[in-house]
Protein backbone atom coordinates (compact mmCIF):
# COMPACT_ATOMS: atom_id res chain seq x y z
CA MET A 1 -35.69 0.15 32.07
CA LYS A 2 -35.27 -0.65 28.45
CA SER A 3 -36.50 1.60 25.73
CA LYS A 4 -39.18 0.30 23.37
CA ALA A 5 -38.26 2.52 20.36
CA GLN A 6 -38.31 0.85 17.11
CA PHE A 7 -36.60 2.03 14.14
CA SER A 8 -35.27 0.72 10.85
CA LEU A 9 -31.81 1.08 9.36
CA GLU A 10 -33.21 2.99 6.32
CA GLN A 11 -34.82 5.76 9.15
CA LEU A 12 -31.09 5.73 10.56
CA ALA A 13 -29.74 6.28 7.08
CA ALA A 14 -32.13 9.18 6.37
CA PHE A 15 -31.43 11.04 9.68
CA VAL A 16 -27.54 10.45 9.48
CA THR A 17 -27.58 11.68 5.65
CA THR A 18 -29.29 14.72 6.61
CA SER A 19 -27.12 15.53 9.35
CA ASP A 20 -24.10 15.07 7.33
CA GLU A 21 -25.48 16.87 4.18
CA GLY A 22 -26.99 19.71 6.07
CA SER A 23 -30.60 19.31 4.45
CA PHE A 24 -33.17 17.27 3.59
CA LYS A 25 -32.81 18.23 -0.15
CA GLN A 26 -29.16 16.96 -0.21
CA ALA A 27 -29.75 14.01 1.82
CA ALA A 28 -32.45 12.94 -0.74
CA ILE A 29 -29.96 13.42 -3.52
CA LYS A 30 -27.30 11.38 -1.91
CA LEU A 31 -29.52 8.59 -0.97
CA GLY A 32 -31.43 8.63 -4.36
CA LYS A 33 -35.23 9.67 -2.90
CA HIS A 34 -37.32 12.42 -2.76
CA ALA A 35 -36.76 15.08 -0.16
CA THR A 36 -40.34 14.47 1.29
CA THR A 37 -39.63 10.82 1.60
CA VAL A 38 -36.48 11.57 3.56
CA SER A 39 -38.14 14.29 5.75
CA GLN A 40 -40.99 11.81 6.57
CA GLN A 41 -38.45 9.03 7.69
CA VAL A 42 -36.89 11.37 9.89
CA ALA A 43 -40.11 12.77 11.41
CA THR A 44 -41.32 8.86 11.98
CA LEU A 45 -38.04 8.47 13.51
CA GLU A 46 -38.54 11.20 15.97
CA ILE A 47 -42.00 10.06 16.76
CA ASP A 48 -40.68 6.39 17.63
CA LEU A 49 -37.82 8.00 19.59
CA GLY A 50 -40.12 10.21 21.65
CA PHE A 51 -37.65 13.36 21.02
CA GLN A 52 -36.87 15.90 18.38
CA LEU A 53 -33.68 15.34 16.47
CA PHE A 54 -33.46 18.52 14.31
CA GLU A 55 -34.57 22.21 14.68
CA ARG A 56 -36.17 23.10 11.83
CA LYS A 57 -36.11 26.89 10.67
CA VAL A 58 -36.41 28.40 7.34
CA ARG A 59 -34.01 26.59 4.70
CA LYS A 60 -31.94 25.55 7.64
CA ILE A 61 -31.81 22.54 9.99
CA HIS A 62 -29.66 21.95 13.24
CA LEU A 63 -29.29 19.03 15.34
CA THR A 64 -30.89 19.39 18.83
CA GLN A 65 -28.55 18.31 21.98
CA GLN A 66 -30.40 15.11 21.89
CA GLY A 67 -30.24 14.54 18.16
CA GLN A 68 -26.27 15.30 18.50
CA GLU A 69 -26.33 12.38 21.20
CA PHE A 70 -28.15 10.11 19.06
CA TYR A 71 -25.99 10.86 16.09
CA ARG A 72 -22.78 9.82 17.87
CA TYR A 73 -24.35 6.14 18.02
CA ALA A 74 -26.49 6.03 14.99
CA LYS A 75 -23.54 6.74 12.36
CA PRO A 76 -21.34 3.82 13.71
CA VAL A 77 -24.45 1.49 13.53
CA LEU A 78 -25.24 2.40 9.95
CA VAL A 79 -21.53 2.17 9.02
CA GLU A 80 -21.25 -1.35 10.58
CA SER A 81 -24.54 -2.29 8.64
CA MET A 82 -23.08 -1.38 5.56
CA HIS A 83 -19.80 -3.50 6.07
CA LEU A 84 -22.11 -6.49 6.99
CA SER A 85 -24.22 -6.08 3.64
CA SER A 86 -20.77 -5.86 1.89
CA LYS A 87 -19.49 -9.04 3.56
CA LEU A 88 -22.53 -10.91 3.16
CA ALA A 89 -22.35 -10.20 -0.56
CA ALA A 90 -18.85 -11.28 -0.78
CA MET A 91 -19.84 -14.47 0.92
CA GLU A 92 -22.57 -15.23 -1.33
CA MET A 93 -20.15 -14.50 -4.23
CA HIS A 94 -17.39 -17.09 -2.45
CA GLN A 95 -15.02 -14.01 -2.60
CA PRO A 96 -11.74 -14.50 -0.55
CA ASP A 97 -11.76 -12.80 2.83
CA SER A 98 -8.17 -11.94 3.19
CA PHE A 99 -5.01 -10.82 0.90
CA THR A 100 -1.41 -10.79 2.25
CA LEU A 101 1.33 -8.95 0.18
CA ALA A 102 4.93 -9.52 0.88
CA LEU A 103 7.24 -6.86 -0.35
CA ASP A 104 10.87 -6.74 -0.95
CA VAL A 105 12.34 -3.61 0.93
CA THR A 106 14.78 -3.10 -2.16
CA VAL A 107 12.01 -2.31 -4.76
CA ARG A 108 9.08 -1.50 -2.27
CA ASP A 109 7.14 1.94 -3.19
CA ARG A 110 3.89 3.43 -2.98
CA GLN A 111 2.69 2.44 -6.65
CA LEU A 112 2.62 -1.09 -5.15
CA LEU A 113 0.52 -0.19 -2.50
CA ARG A 114 -1.81 1.95 -4.76
CA CYS A 115 -2.35 -1.24 -6.60
CA VAL A 116 -3.52 -2.87 -3.22
CA LYS A 117 -5.67 0.18 -2.86
CA ALA A 118 -7.37 -0.37 -6.26
CA MET A 119 -7.95 -3.74 -5.49
CA THR A 120 -9.82 -3.17 -2.48
CA ALA A 121 -12.22 -1.10 -4.43
CA GLN A 122 -13.42 -4.54 -5.95
CA PHE A 123 -13.02 -6.46 -2.75
CA PRO A 124 -14.14 -3.96 0.07
CA THR A 125 -14.30 -6.50 2.59
CA LEU A 126 -10.86 -8.10 2.17
CA ALA A 127 -8.77 -8.36 5.34
CA ILE A 128 -5.31 -6.62 4.07
CA SER A 129 -1.65 -7.50 5.11
CA VAL A 130 1.64 -6.48 4.17
CA LEU A 131 4.74 -7.91 5.00
CA SER A 132 8.43 -6.32 4.55
CA GLY A 133 11.70 -8.27 3.93
CA ASP A 134 14.65 -8.94 1.68
CA PRO A 135 13.83 -10.93 -1.40
CA LEU A 136 14.93 -14.44 0.23
CA GLN A 137 12.40 -13.74 3.03
CA VAL A 138 9.60 -12.78 0.68
CA ALA A 139 10.22 -16.00 -1.25
CA GLN A 140 10.03 -18.20 1.69
CA TRP A 141 6.82 -16.53 2.81
CA VAL A 142 4.90 -17.32 -0.26
CA ARG A 143 6.48 -20.82 -0.63
CA GLU A 144 5.11 -21.54 3.26
CA GLY A 145 1.64 -19.77 2.31
CA GLN A 146 2.42 -16.98 4.56
CA ALA A 147 1.59 -14.50 1.65
CA ASP A 148 -0.48 -14.73 -1.26
CA VAL A 149 1.62 -12.74 -3.44
CA GLY A 150 5.34 -11.62 -3.20
CA ILE A 151 7.12 -8.73 -5.36
CA ILE A 152 11.01 -8.95 -5.23
CA THR A 153 14.05 -7.63 -7.12
CA THR A 154 15.45 -10.45 -9.55
CA LEU A 155 17.77 -12.98 -7.94
CA PHE A 156 18.47 -14.45 -11.26
CA GLN A 157 18.14 -17.74 -10.13
CA ASN A 158 15.43 -20.50 -10.13
CA LEU A 159 13.03 -20.20 -7.36
CA PRO A 160 11.73 -23.91 -6.56
CA GLN A 161 8.04 -24.24 -5.66
CA LEU A 162 7.25 -20.91 -6.99
CA THR A 163 5.79 -19.33 -9.96
CA VAL A 164 7.52 -16.32 -11.19
CA LYS A 165 6.24 -13.42 -13.49
CA GLN A 166 8.36 -10.60 -14.66
CA LEU A 167 7.21 -7.02 -14.02
CA PHE A 168 8.72 -3.64 -14.40
CA ASN A 169 12.47 -2.88 -15.16
CA PHE A 170 14.41 -0.43 -13.24
CA GLU A 171 17.70 1.47 -13.46
CA LEU A 172 20.39 0.84 -11.16
CA VAL A 173 23.01 3.76 -10.13
CA TYR A 174 26.23 4.31 -8.30
CA VAL A 175 25.72 6.51 -5.32
CA ALA A 176 28.12 7.96 -2.72
CA SER A 177 28.66 10.81 -0.31
CA PRO A 178 29.47 14.25 -1.97
CA LYS A 179 32.59 14.35 0.47
CA TRP A 180 34.15 11.14 -1.36
CA LEU A 181 33.34 12.32 -4.68
CA ALA A 182 34.78 15.92 -4.14
CA ASP A 183 32.67 17.37 -7.12
CA LYS A 184 33.63 14.16 -9.31
CA ASP A 185 31.04 12.41 -11.46
CA LYS A 186 33.14 9.70 -12.64
CA VAL A 187 35.64 7.62 -10.63
CA SER A 188 38.25 4.61 -11.65
CA GLU A 189 37.58 1.09 -11.14
CA GLN A 190 40.48 1.14 -8.83
CA ASP A 191 38.69 3.81 -6.56
CA ILE A 192 35.80 1.87 -6.09
CA ARG A 193 37.91 -1.06 -5.27
CA GLN A 194 39.76 0.82 -2.51
CA PHE A 195 36.62 2.52 -0.79
CA PRO A 196 34.09 0.19 1.11
CA GLN A 197 30.85 -0.90 -0.74
CA ILE A 198 27.68 -0.86 1.05
CA ILE A 199 25.35 -3.83 0.02
CA TYR A 200 22.29 -5.36 1.18
CA GLN A 201 22.33 -8.43 3.26
CA PHE A 202 20.81 -10.63 0.59
CA VAL A 203 23.31 -9.71 -2.06
CA GLU A 204 25.97 -11.57 0.02
CA GLN A 205 23.86 -14.20 0.65
CA THR A 206 23.06 -15.01 -3.20
CA PRO A 207 25.92 -16.75 -5.14
CA GLN A 208 24.31 -15.46 -8.26
CA LEU A 209 24.69 -11.49 -7.29
CA SER A 210 28.34 -12.04 -6.09
CA GLY A 211 29.32 -10.22 -9.30
CA HIS A 212 27.79 -7.12 -7.95
CA ILE A 213 30.42 -6.66 -5.17
CA LEU A 214 33.14 -4.90 -6.48
CA ALA A 215 35.10 -3.32 -3.71
CA ASN A 216 37.74 -5.20 -1.65
CA ARG A 217 35.81 -4.61 1.40
CA HIS A 218 32.07 -4.11 1.94
CA PHE A 219 29.53 -3.76 4.92
CA THR A 220 25.78 -4.96 4.74
CA ALA A 221 22.46 -3.64 5.57
CA LYS A 222 18.95 -5.07 5.88
CA ASN A 223 17.02 -2.33 4.51
CA LEU A 224 17.52 0.95 2.41
CA ALA A 225 17.24 3.42 5.18
CA ASP A 226 20.29 1.92 7.08
CA LEU A 227 22.05 1.42 3.84
CA MET A 228 21.55 5.25 2.46
CA ASP A 229 22.35 6.35 6.08
CA LEU A 230 25.74 4.55 5.88
CA VAL A 231 26.51 5.92 2.42
CA ALA A 232 25.50 9.54 3.35
CA LEU A 233 27.84 9.20 6.40
CA ASN A 234 30.41 8.67 3.84
CA MET A 235 31.48 5.03 5.15
CA GLY A 236 31.11 3.66 1.46
CA TRP A 237 29.51 3.62 -2.01
CA ALA A 238 26.38 2.05 -3.31
CA ILE A 239 24.63 0.40 -6.10
CA VAL A 240 20.81 1.04 -5.75
CA PRO A 241 17.35 1.47 -7.64
CA ARG A 242 17.56 5.11 -9.02
CA TYR A 243 13.58 5.56 -8.26
CA ARG A 244 14.12 4.38 -4.56
CA VAL A 245 16.90 7.24 -3.81
CA GLU A 246 15.66 10.40 -5.70
CA GLU A 247 14.83 12.13 -2.51
CA TYR A 248 18.36 11.50 -1.35
CA LEU A 249 19.60 12.89 -4.54
CA GLU A 250 17.53 15.98 -4.50
CA SER A 251 18.29 16.88 -1.09
CA GLY A 252 22.01 16.57 -1.81
CA GLU A 253 22.82 14.00 0.90
CA LEU A 254 23.88 11.67 -2.02
CA ALA A 255 25.59 12.05 -5.51
CA LEU A 256 25.40 9.90 -8.64
CA PHE A 257 28.61 8.92 -10.13
CA THR A 258 29.79 6.69 -12.81
CA VAL A 259 32.79 4.31 -13.37
CA ASP A 260 35.16 4.42 -16.21
CA GLY A 261 34.40 1.82 -18.61
CA ALA A 262 31.21 0.22 -16.66
CA ALA A 263 27.81 0.28 -18.67
CA ASN A 264 24.42 1.26 -17.36
CA VAL A 265 22.69 -1.63 -15.87
CA ASN A 266 18.87 -2.13 -15.64
CA TRP A 267 17.42 -4.93 -13.28
CA PHE A 268 13.86 -6.00 -13.15
CA THR A 269 11.05 -6.99 -10.76
CA GLU A 270 9.47 -10.41 -10.05
CA LEU A 271 5.90 -11.42 -8.88
CA LEU A 272 6.04 -14.54 -6.82
CA LEU A 273 3.21 -16.92 -6.51
CA PRO A 274 2.76 -20.54 -5.01
CA ALA A 275 3.43 -22.89 -7.83
CA ASP A 276 0.59 -25.26 -9.00
CA THR A 277 -1.95 -23.11 -7.22
CA VAL A 278 -5.00 -21.30 -9.03
CA ALA A 279 -4.91 -17.67 -7.88
CA ASN A 280 -8.04 -16.46 -6.32
CA SER A 281 -10.13 -13.74 -7.71
CA ALA A 282 -8.52 -10.81 -5.41
CA VAL A 283 -5.04 -11.88 -6.19
CA ALA A 284 -5.88 -12.00 -9.95
CA ALA A 285 -7.16 -8.44 -9.77
CA PHE A 286 -4.02 -7.31 -7.98
CA ILE A 287 -1.84 -8.99 -10.48
CA GLU A 288 -3.90 -6.85 -13.30
CA GLN A 289 -3.28 -3.87 -11.45
CA VAL A 290 0.74 -4.48 -11.08
CA LYS A 291 1.12 -5.47 -14.80
CA THR A 292 0.17 -1.95 -15.71
CA LEU A 293 3.09 -0.31 -13.77
CA SER A 294 5.72 1.16 -16.07
CA ASP A 295 9.58 0.76 -15.80
CA ARG A 296 11.54 3.04 -13.58
């Protein structure tokens, strides 16, 4: 038999907020209403439902057993109604409904994802997707429309069909296992040529980066975790962004070193967009966020 109870979202909001806040007064403050209004809405809801939702005592209210059961279903309905209202507002303003960010694993960090979070405060109904790969993959995803925006370490080359914007700079450092360094913090060029170098796979695939392969032998890794494990196991040394390996340095798994006669090197990140397209409002908001990131 179907229930004939009729109630409004406003009544549900009064009930759920009262339960969450623990009193009609606090619920009223949260909802921006008078306490008597909230209390009356809950009382009317109880009449419509045919059972009591709260046990009312002096300065205290508690959910009844039926109130607890009703709350379990009322809360999701209220949350979904809020999502629906936000979605309708976004549709009326012709806002984008999705955002896909492609991140190069070489430079990916939480600060970039915080920029995504900040953007969602302005576009709460966006469906968010984050892709991870090497810079060559990221460039291809943006070029093919699989990602709205890409962020990569620079490849020092022209990227066809893409608009490129420079972002933050970062320091590159030499790292190795403390076992290989044996308390040394400076090695000769001959030493690094004789010991294998661990490089990212994309470095081997990019002719413009060949000058960064210094050893006579090298091994490749697809991502930072594998690259760092190979170095920590004393299978070779590597050149990496310092900000990405601080925890390995702090734990003592890796150590910094310098090379006789070599200068400090800084690289930079790049933001990729499809060429000849106008960034939608969500993409524009994300770009404004990442432009505020400082050098590393």
